[in-house]
Amino acid sequence: MNRLSILLPLIGILYPFLVYFGMETVPPHVFALALAAAWLLRAPFLLREPGGRWMLIVALAYCALLGVSGESALLRWYPTLISLFLLLTFGLSLVYGPPVVERIARVREPNLPDAAIPYTRKVTWVWVGFFVFNAVVSAALTLYAPLKWWTLYNGLIVYFIMGPLFVGEWLLRKRLRVNA
C-alpha cells in the first residue's frame, strides 16, 4: 500500500481536531495550502478512481475559496462538503450504474455473481442514507453549534456511526454467503 494512499483519510480523521486546536492561531490560507497539497499528492491515485477527478476538482476549488477568502468559518464546512460529494457519487452511481458498492466488490471479486448485484445496490442505498444524515448533521453543527460540538461529532461520533455500518454489512454479507 502506498503511503500517500493513507494521507487523505488520515487528514480527514484529524481535520476536526486540527481545526479545533488551530482555528484561532493558524490562518485559513495555511489550512487551504496544506489541504490542497494533500489532495494534489493524492491526485495520481484519485484520477484512477470513479469520481476521483470530480472529487479532486471540488476539493481544490474549496481550498482555493478558503485560501482567497481567508474566512475561518469556511474551515467547518469541509466535512459537509465531503459528505455531499460522496452522497452525489453514491447516488449518481445508482442512476448511471454500476453502484459504487458493486464497483468495490468487483475489485475483490471480478466475477461477482449476478445474485449479489441487488445486494450491492441496497448497500449503496444505505450509504446514500448515511451521507444524507451526515451532511445534515455536520451542516447543522457548522451553522448552529459551538466548535467543540462540531469537533466531537466530526472527529469522533461519526466514526462510531460508520463503524457499525461497516461491521454490520460485513457480518450480513458473511451470513448471506453461508446461506447461499
N, C-alpha and C. Protein backbone atom coordinates (compact mmCIF):
# COMPACT_ATOMS: atom_id res chain seq x y z
N MET A 1 0.84 -1.18 0.00
CA MET A 1 0.00 0.00 0.00
C MET A 1 0.88 1.24 0.00
N ASN A 2 0.60 2.15 -0.88
CA ASN A 2 1.35 3.38 -0.99
C ASN A 2 1.08 4.26 0.24
N ARG A 3 2.12 4.87 0.76
CA ARG A 3 1.98 5.73 1.93
C ARG A 3 1.05 6.91 1.66
N LEU A 4 1.06 7.41 0.44
CA LEU A 4 0.20 8.53 0.11
C LEU A 4 -1.28 8.16 0.14
N SER A 5 -1.59 6.89 -0.07
CA SER A 5 -2.99 6.47 -0.10
C SER A 5 -3.65 6.61 1.26
N ILE A 6 -2.88 6.67 2.32
CA ILE A 6 -3.42 6.83 3.66
C ILE A 6 -3.49 8.31 4.06
N LEU A 7 -2.84 9.18 3.29
CA LEU A 7 -2.73 10.59 3.66
C LEU A 7 -4.09 11.28 3.79
N LEU A 8 -4.94 11.20 2.76
CA LEU A 8 -6.23 11.89 2.83
C LEU A 8 -7.14 11.32 3.91
N PRO A 9 -7.26 10.00 4.04
CA PRO A 9 -8.09 9.51 5.15
C PRO A 9 -7.55 9.96 6.52
N LEU A 10 -6.24 9.97 6.68
CA LEU A 10 -5.67 10.42 7.95
C LEU A 10 -5.97 11.89 8.20
N ILE A 11 -5.82 12.72 7.16
CA ILE A 11 -6.15 14.14 7.30
C ILE A 11 -7.64 14.29 7.59
N GLY A 12 -8.47 13.48 6.93
CA GLY A 12 -9.90 13.53 7.19
C GLY A 12 -10.24 13.23 8.63
N ILE A 13 -9.57 12.25 9.20
CA ILE A 13 -9.81 11.87 10.60
C ILE A 13 -9.31 12.97 11.54
N LEU A 14 -8.14 13.50 11.25
CA LEU A 14 -7.54 14.51 12.12
C LEU A 14 -8.08 15.92 11.89
N TYR A 15 -8.68 16.16 10.74
CA TYR A 15 -9.09 17.50 10.36
C TYR A 15 -9.90 18.24 11.43
N PRO A 16 -10.97 17.63 11.99
CA PRO A 16 -11.73 18.38 13.01
C PRO A 16 -10.87 18.83 14.20
N PHE A 17 -9.93 17.99 14.59
CA PHE A 17 -9.08 18.34 15.72
C PHE A 17 -8.06 19.42 15.33
N LEU A 18 -7.57 19.35 14.10
CA LEU A 18 -6.67 20.40 13.61
C LEU A 18 -7.38 21.74 13.57
N VAL A 19 -8.63 21.74 13.13
CA VAL A 19 -9.42 22.97 13.12
C VAL A 19 -9.66 23.45 14.54
N TYR A 20 -10.06 22.54 15.41
CA TYR A 20 -10.35 22.91 16.80
C TYR A 20 -9.15 23.57 17.47
N PHE A 21 -7.99 22.95 17.32
CA PHE A 21 -6.81 23.47 18.01
C PHE A 21 -6.09 24.57 17.24
N GLY A 22 -6.36 24.67 15.93
CA GLY A 22 -5.63 25.65 15.13
C GLY A 22 -6.42 26.81 14.60
N MET A 23 -7.74 26.76 14.72
CA MET A 23 -8.59 27.77 14.11
C MET A 23 -8.25 29.19 14.57
N GLU A 24 -7.91 29.33 15.82
CA GLU A 24 -7.61 30.66 16.36
C GLU A 24 -6.19 31.13 16.06
N THR A 25 -5.29 30.21 15.76
CA THR A 25 -3.88 30.60 15.61
C THR A 25 -3.32 30.39 14.20
N VAL A 26 -3.92 29.49 13.43
CA VAL A 26 -3.41 29.21 12.08
C VAL A 26 -4.32 29.90 11.06
N PRO A 27 -3.75 30.73 10.20
CA PRO A 27 -4.58 31.43 9.21
C PRO A 27 -5.24 30.44 8.23
N PRO A 28 -6.45 30.75 7.77
CA PRO A 28 -7.16 29.87 6.85
C PRO A 28 -6.36 29.52 5.59
N HIS A 29 -5.56 30.47 5.09
CA HIS A 29 -4.81 30.15 3.87
C HIS A 29 -3.76 29.07 4.11
N VAL A 30 -3.28 28.93 5.34
CA VAL A 30 -2.34 27.85 5.67
C VAL A 30 -3.07 26.51 5.63
N PHE A 31 -4.28 26.47 6.22
CA PHE A 31 -5.11 25.27 6.12
C PHE A 31 -5.36 24.93 4.65
N ALA A 32 -5.70 25.96 3.87
CA ALA A 32 -6.00 25.76 2.45
C ALA A 32 -4.80 25.18 1.71
N LEU A 33 -3.63 25.71 1.95
CA LEU A 33 -2.42 25.21 1.29
C LEU A 33 -2.11 23.77 1.69
N ALA A 34 -2.22 23.48 2.98
CA ALA A 34 -1.93 22.12 3.46
C ALA A 34 -2.93 21.12 2.89
N LEU A 35 -4.19 21.49 2.88
CA LEU A 35 -5.22 20.60 2.34
C LEU A 35 -5.04 20.41 0.85
N ALA A 36 -4.78 21.49 0.14
CA ALA A 36 -4.55 21.40 -1.32
C ALA A 36 -3.34 20.52 -1.62
N ALA A 37 -2.28 20.68 -0.83
CA ALA A 37 -1.08 19.85 -1.04
C ALA A 37 -1.40 18.37 -0.85
N ALA A 38 -2.18 18.05 0.18
CA ALA A 38 -2.56 16.65 0.41
C ALA A 38 -3.39 16.11 -0.75
N TRP A 39 -4.32 16.90 -1.24
CA TRP A 39 -5.14 16.46 -2.38
C TRP A 39 -4.29 16.29 -3.63
N LEU A 40 -3.36 17.20 -3.86
CA LEU A 40 -2.51 17.10 -5.05
C LEU A 40 -1.56 15.91 -4.98
N LEU A 41 -1.08 15.61 -3.78
CA LEU A 41 -0.23 14.42 -3.63
C LEU A 41 -1.02 13.15 -3.92
N ARG A 42 -2.29 13.17 -3.61
CA ARG A 42 -3.16 12.01 -3.81
C ARG A 42 -3.75 11.97 -5.23
N ALA A 43 -3.60 13.06 -5.98
CA ALA A 43 -4.22 13.20 -7.30
C ALA A 43 -3.96 12.03 -8.25
N PRO A 44 -2.71 11.54 -8.40
CA PRO A 44 -2.50 10.44 -9.34
C PRO A 44 -3.34 9.20 -9.04
N PHE A 45 -3.62 8.97 -7.77
CA PHE A 45 -4.42 7.81 -7.38
C PHE A 45 -5.91 8.11 -7.57
N LEU A 46 -6.31 9.33 -7.22
CA LEU A 46 -7.71 9.71 -7.36
C LEU A 46 -8.17 9.69 -8.82
N LEU A 47 -7.28 10.06 -9.71
CA LEU A 47 -7.66 10.14 -11.13
C LEU A 47 -7.98 8.76 -11.71
N ARG A 48 -7.58 7.71 -11.03
CA ARG A 48 -7.88 6.34 -11.49
C ARG A 48 -9.17 5.79 -10.88
N GLU A 49 -9.75 6.50 -9.92
CA GLU A 49 -10.94 6.04 -9.22
C GLU A 49 -12.19 6.67 -9.82
N PRO A 50 -13.32 5.94 -9.79
CA PRO A 50 -14.57 6.53 -10.29
C PRO A 50 -14.92 7.78 -9.49
N GLY A 51 -15.15 8.88 -10.16
CA GLY A 51 -15.50 10.12 -9.50
C GLY A 51 -14.31 10.85 -8.90
N GLY A 52 -13.13 10.25 -8.98
CA GLY A 52 -11.94 10.85 -8.37
C GLY A 52 -11.57 12.20 -8.95
N ARG A 53 -11.72 12.33 -10.26
CA ARG A 53 -11.38 13.60 -10.91
C ARG A 53 -12.27 14.73 -10.37
N TRP A 54 -13.58 14.43 -10.25
CA TRP A 54 -14.51 15.45 -9.75
C TRP A 54 -14.26 15.76 -8.29
N MET A 55 -13.94 14.74 -7.51
CA MET A 55 -13.66 14.97 -6.10
C MET A 55 -12.44 15.88 -5.96
N LEU A 56 -11.44 15.63 -6.76
CA LEU A 56 -10.23 16.46 -6.74
C LEU A 56 -10.56 17.91 -7.11
N ILE A 57 -11.36 18.09 -8.15
CA ILE A 57 -11.73 19.44 -8.59
C ILE A 57 -12.51 20.17 -7.50
N VAL A 58 -13.49 19.48 -6.91
CA VAL A 58 -14.30 20.11 -5.85
C VAL A 58 -13.43 20.45 -4.64
N ALA A 59 -12.57 19.53 -4.23
CA ALA A 59 -11.71 19.78 -3.07
C ALA A 59 -10.75 20.94 -3.32
N LEU A 60 -10.16 20.98 -4.50
CA LEU A 60 -9.23 22.07 -4.81
C LEU A 60 -9.96 23.40 -4.94
N ALA A 61 -11.19 23.38 -5.44
CA ALA A 61 -12.00 24.61 -5.50
C ALA A 61 -12.30 25.11 -4.08
N TYR A 62 -12.62 24.18 -3.19
CA TYR A 62 -12.85 24.53 -1.78
C TYR A 62 -11.58 25.15 -1.19
N CYS A 63 -10.44 24.53 -1.44
CA CYS A 63 -9.16 25.05 -0.93
C CYS A 63 -8.88 26.45 -1.48
N ALA A 64 -9.17 26.65 -2.75
CA ALA A 64 -8.96 27.98 -3.36
C ALA A 64 -9.88 29.02 -2.71
N LEU A 65 -11.15 28.65 -2.51
CA LEU A 65 -12.09 29.57 -1.87
C LEU A 65 -11.64 29.90 -0.45
N LEU A 66 -11.22 28.88 0.29
CA LEU A 66 -10.74 29.08 1.65
C LEU A 66 -9.50 29.99 1.66
N GLY A 67 -8.57 29.72 0.74
CA GLY A 67 -7.34 30.50 0.70
C GLY A 67 -7.57 31.94 0.29
N VAL A 68 -8.42 32.16 -0.68
CA VAL A 68 -8.67 33.51 -1.19
C VAL A 68 -9.52 34.32 -0.21
N SER A 69 -10.55 33.69 0.35
CA SER A 69 -11.47 34.41 1.24
C SER A 69 -10.84 34.71 2.60
N GLY A 70 -10.02 33.77 3.09
CA GLY A 70 -9.44 33.93 4.41
C GLY A 70 -10.46 33.79 5.53
N GLU A 71 -11.64 33.27 5.21
CA GLU A 71 -12.72 33.12 6.19
C GLU A 71 -12.53 31.84 7.00
N SER A 72 -12.21 31.98 8.26
CA SER A 72 -12.00 30.79 9.09
C SER A 72 -13.30 30.00 9.27
N ALA A 73 -14.46 30.64 9.14
CA ALA A 73 -15.74 29.92 9.27
C ALA A 73 -15.88 28.85 8.20
N LEU A 74 -15.23 29.03 7.06
CA LEU A 74 -15.29 28.03 5.98
C LEU A 74 -14.61 26.72 6.37
N LEU A 75 -13.69 26.78 7.33
CA LEU A 75 -12.99 25.56 7.76
C LEU A 75 -13.96 24.49 8.23
N ARG A 76 -15.05 24.90 8.83
CA ARG A 76 -16.00 23.94 9.39
C ARG A 76 -16.87 23.28 8.32
N TRP A 77 -16.87 23.80 7.10
CA TRP A 77 -17.71 23.24 6.04
C TRP A 77 -17.08 22.04 5.34
N TYR A 78 -15.82 21.78 5.55
CA TYR A 78 -15.12 20.70 4.85
C TYR A 78 -15.78 19.32 5.03
N PRO A 79 -16.10 18.88 6.26
CA PRO A 79 -16.76 17.56 6.40
C PRO A 79 -18.11 17.50 5.67
N THR A 80 -18.85 18.59 5.69
CA THR A 80 -20.13 18.63 4.98
C THR A 80 -19.90 18.50 3.49
N LEU A 81 -18.91 19.21 2.98
CA LEU A 81 -18.58 19.14 1.56
C LEU A 81 -18.22 17.72 1.14
N ILE A 82 -17.40 17.06 1.93
CA ILE A 82 -17.00 15.68 1.61
C ILE A 82 -18.22 14.76 1.63
N SER A 83 -19.08 14.90 2.63
CA SER A 83 -20.29 14.06 2.69
C SER A 83 -21.19 14.32 1.50
N LEU A 84 -21.36 15.59 1.12
CA LEU A 84 -22.20 15.91 -0.04
C LEU A 84 -21.62 15.33 -1.32
N PHE A 85 -20.30 15.40 -1.45
CA PHE A 85 -19.69 14.83 -2.65
C PHE A 85 -19.86 13.32 -2.70
N LEU A 86 -19.65 12.66 -1.57
CA LEU A 86 -19.83 11.21 -1.52
C LEU A 86 -21.29 10.84 -1.74
N LEU A 87 -22.22 11.63 -1.21
CA LEU A 87 -23.64 11.42 -1.46
C LEU A 87 -23.92 11.50 -2.96
N LEU A 88 -23.39 12.50 -3.61
CA LEU A 88 -23.57 12.67 -5.05
C LEU A 88 -22.97 11.49 -5.81
N THR A 89 -21.77 11.08 -5.43
CA THR A 89 -21.10 9.97 -6.11
C THR A 89 -21.89 8.67 -5.96
N PHE A 90 -22.27 8.34 -4.73
CA PHE A 90 -23.03 7.11 -4.49
C PHE A 90 -24.41 7.19 -5.13
N GLY A 91 -25.07 8.34 -5.00
CA GLY A 91 -26.40 8.49 -5.56
C GLY A 91 -26.41 8.40 -7.08
N LEU A 92 -25.48 9.08 -7.73
CA LEU A 92 -25.42 9.02 -9.20
C LEU A 92 -25.06 7.62 -9.69
N SER A 93 -24.28 6.89 -8.89
CA SER A 93 -23.94 5.52 -9.30
C SER A 93 -25.18 4.63 -9.31
N LEU A 94 -26.18 4.98 -8.50
CA LEU A 94 -27.44 4.22 -8.51
C LEU A 94 -28.25 4.52 -9.76
N VAL A 95 -28.07 5.71 -10.31
CA VAL A 95 -28.81 6.10 -11.52
C VAL A 95 -28.07 5.63 -12.77
N TYR A 96 -26.77 5.87 -12.81
CA TYR A 96 -25.99 5.61 -14.02
C TYR A 96 -25.18 4.32 -13.95
N GLY A 97 -25.12 3.70 -12.79
CA GLY A 97 -24.50 2.40 -12.58
C GLY A 97 -23.09 2.22 -13.10
N PRO A 98 -22.47 1.17 -12.69
CA PRO A 98 -22.91 0.30 -11.59
C PRO A 98 -22.76 1.01 -10.25
N PRO A 99 -23.54 0.58 -9.25
CA PRO A 99 -23.45 1.20 -7.92
C PRO A 99 -22.02 1.12 -7.36
N VAL A 100 -21.67 2.10 -6.57
CA VAL A 100 -20.31 2.18 -6.00
C VAL A 100 -19.94 0.89 -5.26
N VAL A 101 -20.86 0.36 -4.47
CA VAL A 101 -20.54 -0.84 -3.70
C VAL A 101 -20.28 -2.02 -4.63
N GLU A 102 -20.97 -2.09 -5.74
CA GLU A 102 -20.69 -3.15 -6.72
C GLU A 102 -19.28 -2.98 -7.30
N ARG A 103 -18.91 -1.75 -7.61
CA ARG A 103 -17.56 -1.49 -8.14
C ARG A 103 -16.49 -1.94 -7.14
N ILE A 104 -16.73 -1.61 -5.88
CA ILE A 104 -15.78 -2.01 -4.84
C ILE A 104 -15.73 -3.53 -4.73
N ALA A 105 -16.89 -4.17 -4.76
CA ALA A 105 -16.96 -5.63 -4.66
C ALA A 105 -16.24 -6.30 -5.83
N ARG A 106 -16.34 -5.71 -7.01
CA ARG A 106 -15.70 -6.31 -8.19
C ARG A 106 -14.18 -6.19 -8.16
N VAL A 107 -13.66 -5.29 -7.36
CA VAL A 107 -12.20 -5.21 -7.21
C VAL A 107 -11.71 -6.48 -6.54
N ARG A 108 -12.43 -6.94 -5.52
CA ARG A 108 -12.04 -8.17 -4.82
C ARG A 108 -12.51 -9.42 -5.54
N GLU A 109 -13.65 -9.30 -6.22
CA GLU A 109 -14.25 -10.46 -6.88
C GLU A 109 -14.74 -10.05 -8.27
N PRO A 110 -13.83 -10.05 -9.27
CA PRO A 110 -14.18 -9.57 -10.61
C PRO A 110 -15.39 -10.27 -11.23
N ASN A 111 -15.56 -11.56 -10.95
CA ASN A 111 -16.70 -12.31 -11.48
C ASN A 111 -17.82 -12.38 -10.44
N LEU A 112 -18.24 -11.23 -9.98
CA LEU A 112 -19.29 -11.13 -8.97
C LEU A 112 -20.55 -11.81 -9.49
N PRO A 113 -21.13 -12.73 -8.70
CA PRO A 113 -22.34 -13.42 -9.15
C PRO A 113 -23.49 -12.43 -9.36
N ASP A 114 -24.34 -12.71 -10.33
CA ASP A 114 -25.48 -11.84 -10.62
C ASP A 114 -26.38 -11.68 -9.40
N ALA A 115 -26.48 -12.72 -8.59
CA ALA A 115 -27.33 -12.67 -7.40
C ALA A 115 -26.84 -11.62 -6.39
N ALA A 116 -25.56 -11.25 -6.44
CA ALA A 116 -25.01 -10.28 -5.49
C ALA A 116 -25.31 -8.84 -5.87
N ILE A 117 -25.68 -8.60 -7.11
CA ILE A 117 -25.85 -7.23 -7.60
C ILE A 117 -26.99 -6.49 -6.87
N PRO A 118 -28.16 -7.10 -6.66
CA PRO A 118 -29.20 -6.38 -5.90
C PRO A 118 -28.73 -6.04 -4.48
N TYR A 119 -27.93 -6.92 -3.88
CA TYR A 119 -27.40 -6.66 -2.55
C TYR A 119 -26.48 -5.44 -2.56
N THR A 120 -25.59 -5.36 -3.55
CA THR A 120 -24.67 -4.21 -3.61
C THR A 120 -25.45 -2.91 -3.83
N ARG A 121 -26.54 -2.99 -4.55
CA ARG A 121 -27.40 -1.83 -4.78
C ARG A 121 -28.03 -1.37 -3.46
N LYS A 122 -28.51 -2.33 -2.65
CA LYS A 122 -29.12 -1.99 -1.36
C LYS A 122 -28.09 -1.39 -0.41
N VAL A 123 -26.89 -1.92 -0.41
CA VAL A 123 -25.84 -1.38 0.46
C VAL A 123 -25.46 0.04 0.01
N THR A 124 -25.44 0.26 -1.29
CA THR A 124 -25.17 1.62 -1.79
C THR A 124 -26.26 2.57 -1.29
N TRP A 125 -27.52 2.13 -1.28
CA TRP A 125 -28.61 2.95 -0.76
C TRP A 125 -28.41 3.26 0.73
N VAL A 126 -27.91 2.29 1.48
CA VAL A 126 -27.65 2.53 2.91
C VAL A 126 -26.62 3.65 3.06
N TRP A 127 -25.58 3.60 2.24
CA TRP A 127 -24.54 4.64 2.31
C TRP A 127 -25.08 5.99 1.85
N VAL A 128 -25.96 6.00 0.88
CA VAL A 128 -26.62 7.25 0.48
C VAL A 128 -27.35 7.85 1.69
N GLY A 129 -28.10 7.00 2.39
CA GLY A 129 -28.80 7.47 3.59
C GLY A 129 -27.84 8.01 4.65
N PHE A 130 -26.74 7.31 4.84
CA PHE A 130 -25.75 7.78 5.81
C PHE A 130 -25.19 9.14 5.40
N PHE A 131 -24.86 9.31 4.12
CA PHE A 131 -24.27 10.58 3.69
C PHE A 131 -25.27 11.74 3.78
N VAL A 132 -26.55 11.46 3.56
CA VAL A 132 -27.58 12.49 3.77
C VAL A 132 -27.59 12.89 5.24
N PHE A 133 -27.69 11.90 6.10
CA PHE A 133 -27.71 12.14 7.54
C PHE A 133 -26.47 12.92 7.98
N ASN A 134 -25.30 12.45 7.56
CA ASN A 134 -24.06 13.06 7.98
C ASN A 134 -23.93 14.50 7.48
N ALA A 135 -24.31 14.74 6.24
CA ALA A 135 -24.23 16.10 5.69
C ALA A 135 -25.15 17.05 6.46
N VAL A 136 -26.36 16.58 6.78
CA VAL A 136 -27.32 17.41 7.51
C VAL A 136 -26.80 17.72 8.92
N VAL A 137 -26.33 16.69 9.62
CA VAL A 137 -25.84 16.89 10.99
C VAL A 137 -24.61 17.79 10.98
N SER A 138 -23.68 17.52 10.08
CA SER A 138 -22.46 18.32 10.01
C SER A 138 -22.76 19.78 9.67
N ALA A 139 -23.67 20.00 8.73
CA ALA A 139 -24.05 21.37 8.35
C ALA A 139 -24.74 22.07 9.52
N ALA A 140 -25.65 21.36 10.19
CA ALA A 140 -26.34 21.97 11.33
C ALA A 140 -25.36 22.35 12.43
N LEU A 141 -24.40 21.47 12.69
CA LEU A 141 -23.39 21.79 13.71
C LEU A 141 -22.51 22.95 13.27
N THR A 142 -22.22 23.02 11.98
CA THR A 142 -21.43 24.14 11.46
C THR A 142 -22.17 25.47 11.66
N LEU A 143 -23.46 25.45 11.40
CA LEU A 143 -24.26 26.68 11.46
C LEU A 143 -24.66 27.08 12.88
N TYR A 144 -24.95 26.10 13.73
CA TYR A 144 -25.63 26.43 14.99
C TYR A 144 -24.93 25.99 16.27
N ALA A 145 -23.89 25.20 16.17
CA ALA A 145 -23.30 24.63 17.39
C ALA A 145 -21.92 25.23 17.67
N PRO A 146 -21.50 25.14 18.93
CA PRO A 146 -20.14 25.57 19.25
C PRO A 146 -19.11 24.66 18.57
N LEU A 147 -17.92 25.17 18.40
CA LEU A 147 -16.84 24.45 17.73
C LEU A 147 -16.58 23.10 18.41
N LYS A 148 -16.66 23.03 19.72
CA LYS A 148 -16.36 21.76 20.39
C LYS A 148 -17.39 20.69 20.05
N TRP A 149 -18.66 21.03 19.85
CA TRP A 149 -19.68 20.05 19.45
C TRP A 149 -19.41 19.58 18.03
N TRP A 150 -19.08 20.55 17.15
CA TRP A 150 -18.75 20.23 15.76
C TRP A 150 -17.56 19.26 15.73
N THR A 151 -16.54 19.54 16.53
CA THR A 151 -15.35 18.70 16.58
C THR A 151 -15.68 17.31 17.11
N LEU A 152 -16.47 17.25 18.17
CA LEU A 152 -16.84 15.96 18.75
C LEU A 152 -17.58 15.10 17.73
N TYR A 153 -18.54 15.68 17.03
CA TYR A 153 -19.29 14.89 16.05
C TYR A 153 -18.40 14.48 14.88
N ASN A 154 -17.75 15.46 14.23
CA ASN A 154 -16.98 15.18 13.02
C ASN A 154 -15.68 14.45 13.27
N GLY A 155 -15.15 14.54 14.48
CA GLY A 155 -13.89 13.89 14.79
C GLY A 155 -14.02 12.56 15.52
N LEU A 156 -15.23 12.27 16.04
CA LEU A 156 -15.37 11.05 16.83
C LEU A 156 -16.70 10.34 16.59
N ILE A 157 -17.80 11.02 16.87
CA ILE A 157 -19.11 10.37 16.82
C ILE A 157 -19.41 9.78 15.45
N VAL A 158 -19.07 10.49 14.40
CA VAL A 158 -19.36 9.98 13.05
C VAL A 158 -18.70 8.62 12.81
N TYR A 159 -17.54 8.39 13.41
CA TYR A 159 -16.85 7.11 13.24
C TYR A 159 -17.54 6.00 14.04
N PHE A 160 -18.20 6.37 15.14
CA PHE A 160 -18.98 5.40 15.90
C PHE A 160 -20.28 5.05 15.17
N ILE A 161 -20.68 5.87 14.23
CA ILE A 161 -21.83 5.56 13.38
C ILE A 161 -21.38 4.72 12.18
N MET A 162 -20.27 5.11 11.57
CA MET A 162 -19.76 4.39 10.39
C MET A 162 -19.27 2.99 10.76
N GLY A 163 -18.66 2.84 11.91
CA GLY A 163 -18.12 1.54 12.32
C GLY A 163 -19.17 0.44 12.31
N PRO A 164 -20.30 0.64 12.99
CA PRO A 164 -21.34 -0.39 12.94
C PRO A 164 -21.90 -0.63 11.52
N LEU A 165 -21.91 0.40 10.69
CA LEU A 165 -22.35 0.19 9.30
C LEU A 165 -21.40 -0.77 8.58
N PHE A 166 -20.10 -0.53 8.71
CA PHE A 166 -19.12 -1.42 8.07
C PHE A 166 -19.21 -2.84 8.64
N VAL A 167 -19.20 -2.94 9.97
CA VAL A 167 -19.22 -4.25 10.62
C VAL A 167 -20.52 -4.97 10.33
N GLY A 168 -21.65 -4.26 10.43
CA GLY A 168 -22.95 -4.88 10.16
C GLY A 168 -23.05 -5.39 8.74
N GLU A 169 -22.58 -4.61 7.80
CA GLU A 169 -22.61 -5.04 6.40
C GLU A 169 -21.72 -6.25 6.20
N TRP A 170 -20.54 -6.26 6.80
CA TRP A 170 -19.62 -7.38 6.66
C TRP A 170 -20.24 -8.66 7.24
N LEU A 171 -20.86 -8.55 8.44
CA LEU A 171 -21.50 -9.71 9.06
C LEU A 171 -22.67 -10.21 8.22
N LEU A 172 -23.48 -9.29 7.71
CA LEU A 172 -24.61 -9.68 6.87
C LEU A 172 -24.13 -10.37 5.59
N ARG A 173 -23.07 -9.84 4.99
CA ARG A 173 -22.52 -10.44 3.76
C ARG A 173 -22.02 -11.85 4.04
N LYS A 174 -21.33 -12.03 5.16
CA LYS A 174 -20.84 -13.37 5.54
C LYS A 174 -22.02 -14.33 5.72
N ARG A 175 -23.06 -13.86 6.39
CA ARG A 175 -24.23 -14.69 6.64
C ARG A 175 -24.91 -15.06 5.31
N LEU A 176 -25.05 -14.09 4.44
CA LEU A 176 -25.70 -14.36 3.15
C LEU A 176 -24.87 -15.35 2.30
N ARG A 177 -23.57 -15.26 2.38
CA ARG A 177 -22.71 -16.19 1.62
C ARG A 177 -22.85 -17.62 2.16
N VAL A 178 -22.95 -17.76 3.47
CA VAL A 178 -23.09 -19.08 4.07
C VAL A 178 -24.44 -19.69 3.67
N ASN A 179 -25.47 -18.86 3.64
CA ASN A 179 -26.82 -19.34 3.30
C ASN A 179 -27.04 -19.48 1.80
N ALA A 180 -26.12 -19.02 0.99
CA ALA A 180 -26.31 -19.09 -0.47
C ALA A 180 -25.95 -20.45 -1.02
